[in-house]
C-alpha atoms as a PDB file:
ATOM      1  CA  MET A   1      19.879  37.182  10.405  1.00  0.00           C
ATOM      2  CA  LYS A   2      20.729  34.574  13.063  1.00  0.00           C
ATOM      3  CA  LYS A   3      16.641  34.366  13.504  1.00  0.00           C
ATOM      4  CA  LEU A   4      16.126  33.866   9.543  1.00  0.00           C
ATOM      5  CA  LEU A   5      18.465  31.307   9.178  1.00  0.00           C
ATOM      6  CA  LEU A   6      17.486  29.638  12.579  1.00  0.00           C
ATOM      7  CA  LEU A   7      13.658  29.870  11.296  1.00  0.00           C
ATOM      8  CA  ILE A   8      14.713  28.194   8.228  1.00  0.00           C
ATOM      9  CA  LEU A   9      16.633  25.324   9.792  1.00  0.00           C
ATOM     10  CA  VAL A  10      13.343  24.619  12.154  1.00  0.00           C
ATOM     11  CA  LEU A  11      10.940  24.572   9.045  1.00  0.00           C
ATOM     12  CA  GLY A  12      13.177  22.180   7.126  1.00  0.00           C
ATOM     13  CA  GLY A  13      13.284  20.051  10.155  1.00  0.00           C
ATOM     14  CA  LEU A  14      10.006  19.969  10.674  1.00  0.00           C
ATOM     15  CA  GLY A  15       9.275  19.049   6.759  1.00  0.00           C
ATOM     16  CA  ILE A  16      11.870  16.239   6.966  1.00  0.00           C
ATOM     17  CA  ALA A  17       9.965  15.054  10.004  1.00  0.00           C
ATOM     18  CA  GLY A  18       6.589  15.397   8.445  1.00  0.00           C
ATOM     19  CA  SER A  19       7.823  13.491   5.772  1.00  0.00           C
ATOM     20  CA  TYR A  20       9.300  10.679   7.802  1.00  0.00           C
ATOM     21  CA  VAL A  21       5.867  10.624   9.723  1.00  0.00           C
ATOM     22  CA  LEU A  22       3.960  10.184   6.298  1.00  0.00           C
ATOM     23  CA  ASN A  23       6.142   7.934   4.455  1.00  0.00           C
ATOM     24  CA  GLY A  24       8.033   5.691   7.221  1.00  0.00           C
ATOM     25  CA  ARG A  25      11.443   6.966   5.487  1.00  0.00           C
ATOM     26  CA  LEU A  26      13.537   9.904   5.095  1.00  0.00           C
ATOM     27  CA  PRO A  27      12.981  12.104   1.868  1.00  0.00           C
ATOM     28  CA  TRP A  28      16.698  11.253   0.658  1.00  0.00           C
ATOM     29  CA  VAL A  29      16.465   7.308   1.165  1.00  0.00           C
ATOM     30  CA  THR A  30      15.181   5.546  -1.866  1.00  0.00           C
ATOM     31  CA  LEU A  31      13.452   2.176  -1.504  1.00  0.00           C
ATOM     32  CA  SER A  32      14.875  -0.915  -2.598  1.00  0.00           C
ATOM     33  CA  GLU A  33      14.105  -2.471  -6.122  1.00  0.00           C
ATOM     34  CA  GLU A  34      12.291  -5.027  -3.800  1.00  0.00           C
ATOM     35  CA  ALA A  35      10.467  -2.426  -1.620  1.00  0.00           C
ATOM     36  CA  GLN A  36       9.362  -1.060  -4.881  1.00  0.00           C
ATOM     37  CA  GLN A  37       7.867  -4.289  -5.944  1.00  0.00           C
ATOM     38  CA  ILE A  38       5.970  -4.652  -2.961  1.00  0.00           C
ATOM     39  CA  ALA A  39       4.851  -0.961  -2.875  1.00  0.00           C
ATOM     40  CA  VAL A  40       3.058  -1.791  -6.245  1.00  0.00           C
ATOM     41  CA  LEU A  41       1.465  -4.664  -5.157  1.00  0.00           C
ATOM     42  CA  ARG A  42       0.374  -2.619  -1.811  1.00  0.00           C
ATOM     43  CA  GLU A  43      -1.163  -0.245  -4.555  1.00  0.00           C
ATOM     44  CA  GLU A  44      -2.886  -2.782  -6.549  1.00  0.00           C
ATOM     45  CA  PHE A  45      -4.516  -4.423  -3.589  1.00  0.00           C
ATOM     46  CA  SER A  46      -5.561  -0.960  -2.422  1.00  0.00           C
ATOM     47  CA  ALA A  47      -7.233  -0.293  -5.807  1.00  0.00           C
ATOM     48  CA  ALA A  48      -8.883  -3.686  -5.673  1.00  0.00           C
ATOM     49  CA  CYS A  49     -10.335  -2.720  -2.167  1.00  0.00           C
ATOM     50  CA  GLN A  50     -11.705   0.525  -3.252  1.00  0.00           C
ATOM     51  CA  GLN A  51     -13.131  -1.493  -6.290  1.00  0.00           C
ATOM     52  CA  TRP A  52     -15.049  -3.964  -3.733  1.00  0.00           C
ATOM     53  CA  GLN A  53     -16.367  -1.001  -1.730  1.00  0.00           C
ATOM     54  CA  GLN A  54     -17.573   0.667  -4.779  1.00  0.00           C
ATOM     55  CA  ALA A  55     -19.567  -2.771  -5.832  1.00  0.00           C
ATOM     56  CA  GLY A  56     -20.677  -2.916  -2.267  1.00  0.00           C
ATOM     57  CA  ARG A  57     -22.295   0.428  -2.664  1.00  0.00           C
ATOM     58  CA  ALA A  58     -23.849  -0.420  -6.059  1.00  0.00           C
ATOM     59  CA  ALA A  59     -25.591  -3.444  -4.383  1.00  0.00           C
ATOM     60  CA  THR A  60     -26.972  -0.937  -1.979  1.00  0.00           C
ATOM     61  CA  PHE A  61     -28.854   0.743  -4.735  1.00  0.00           C
ATOM     62  CA  GLY A  62     -30.082  -2.804  -6.046  1.00  0.00           C
ATOM     63  CA  MET A  63     -27.559  -2.971  -9.462  1.00  0.00           C
ATOM     64  CA  ASP A  64     -26.481  -6.307 -10.466  1.00  0.00           C
ATOM     65  CA  THR A  65     -23.184  -6.392  -9.184  1.00  0.00           C
ATOM     66  CA  ASP A  66     -22.056  -9.711 -10.457  1.00  0.00           C
ATOM     67  CA  SER A  67     -19.655  -8.334 -13.138  1.00  0.00           C
ATOM     68  CA  VAL A  68     -18.664  -5.412 -10.681  1.00  0.00           C
ATOM     69  CA  THR A  69     -17.292  -7.941  -7.929  1.00  0.00           C
ATOM     70  CA  ASP A  70     -15.460 -10.181 -10.633  1.00  0.00           C
ATOM     71  CA  ALA A  71     -12.752  -7.329 -11.173  1.00  0.00           C
ATOM     72  CA  PRO A  72     -11.576  -6.825  -7.666  1.00  0.00           C
ATOM     73  CA  LEU A  73     -11.455 -10.469  -6.976  1.00  0.00           C
ATOM     74  CA  ALA A  74      -9.436 -11.213 -10.169  1.00  0.00           C
ATOM     75  CA  ARG A  75      -7.311  -8.270  -9.260  1.00  0.00           C
ATOM     76  CA  LEU A  76      -6.667  -9.699  -5.700  1.00  0.00           C
ATOM     77  CA  ALA A  77      -6.026 -13.081  -7.084  1.00  0.00           C
ATOM     78  CA  ARG A  78      -3.354 -11.384  -9.320  1.00  0.00           C
ATOM     79  CA  VAL A  79      -1.603  -9.436  -6.241  1.00  0.00           C
ATOM     80  CA  GLU A  80      -1.866 -12.795  -4.178  1.00  0.00           C
ATOM     81  CA  ALA A  81      -0.224 -14.869  -6.963  1.00  0.00           C
ATOM     82  CA  SER A  82       2.672 -12.205  -7.629  1.00  0.00           C
ATOM     83  CA  LEU A  83       3.115 -11.859  -3.643  1.00  0.00           C
ATOM     84  CA  ALA A  84       3.698 -15.490  -3.594  1.00  0.00           C
ATOM     85  CA  GLU A  85       5.864 -15.671  -6.462  1.00  0.00           C
ATOM     86  CA  LEU A  86       7.922 -12.776  -5.444  1.00  0.00           C
ATOM     87  CA  THR A  87       8.550 -13.648  -1.632  1.00  0.00           C
ATOM     88  CA  PRO A  88      10.974 -16.652  -1.921  1.00  0.00           C
ATOM     89  CA  LYS A  89      13.047 -13.991  -4.086  1.00  0.00           C
ATOM     90  CA  LEU A  90      13.272 -11.246  -1.414  1.00  0.00           C
ATOM     91  CA  LYS A  91      16.688 -10.720   0.033  1.00  0.00           C
ATOM     92  CA  THR A  92      16.151  -7.825   2.180  1.00  0.00           C
ATOM     93  CA  SER A  93      14.734  -7.936   5.444  1.00  0.00           C
ATOM     94  CA  GLU A  94      12.547  -4.450   4.892  1.00  0.00           C
ATOM     95  CA  ALA A  95      11.181  -6.115   1.876  1.00  0.00           C
ATOM     96  CA  ARG A  96      10.296  -9.259   3.993  1.00  0.00           C
ATOM     97  CA  THR A  97       8.575  -7.163   6.403  1.00  0.00           C
ATOM     98  CA  LYS A  98       6.641  -5.086   4.117  1.00  0.00           C
ATOM     99  CA  ALA A  99       5.747  -8.612   2.142  1.00  0.00           C
ATOM    100  CA  SER A 100       4.444 -10.064   5.426  1.00  0.00           C
ATOM    101  CA  ARG A 101       2.539  -7.026   6.277  1.00  0.00           C
ATOM    102  CA  LEU A 102       0.393  -7.037   2.828  1.00  0.00           C
ATOM    103  CA  ARG A 103       0.043 -11.095   3.222  1.00  0.00           C
ATOM    104  CA  GLN A 104      -1.779 -10.356   6.589  1.00  0.00           C
ATOM    105  CA  ASP A 105      -3.800  -7.140   5.167  1.00  0.00           C
ATOM    106  CA  ILE A 106      -4.672  -9.135   2.377  1.00  0.00           C
ATOM    107  CA  ALA A 107      -5.998 -12.135   4.664  1.00  0.00           C
ATOM    108  CA  ALA A 108      -7.608  -9.637   7.044  1.00  0.00           C
ATOM    109  CA  PHE A 109      -9.597  -8.374   3.824  1.00  0.00           C
ATOM    110  CA  ARG A 110     -10.392 -11.717   2.576  1.00  0.00           C
ATOM    111  CA  ARG A 111     -12.051 -12.581   5.875  1.00  0.00           C
ATOM    112  CA  GLU A 112     -14.068  -9.303   6.258  1.00  0.00           C
ATOM    113  CA  MET A 113     -15.358 -10.027   2.591  1.00  0.00           C
ATOM    114  CA  ARG A 114     -17.207 -12.994   4.143  1.00  0.00           C
END
């Protein structure tokens, strides 16, 4: 019985540790509203990056990509505008850090686009 209880505790600890590694936070700790807004912007940015990569693959096959590349560029511009509007309103250090990282990732992506 003790071994079974110990096994359950060890597996639970491994599950929590795995969740922490994947998400960067404990499962029972919720993100602040500001951090959630930054997470939504991060998802939009990721979607824009994927669209840009798909446009690059389409160009490889000789397709006309003018209309395909406009969508991710517009989406990226919306993310940047929303981030610029949201950044001065951020109160928590966690949200400011996430916003700063997102701004750096967007700048790095823009450099790669050239």
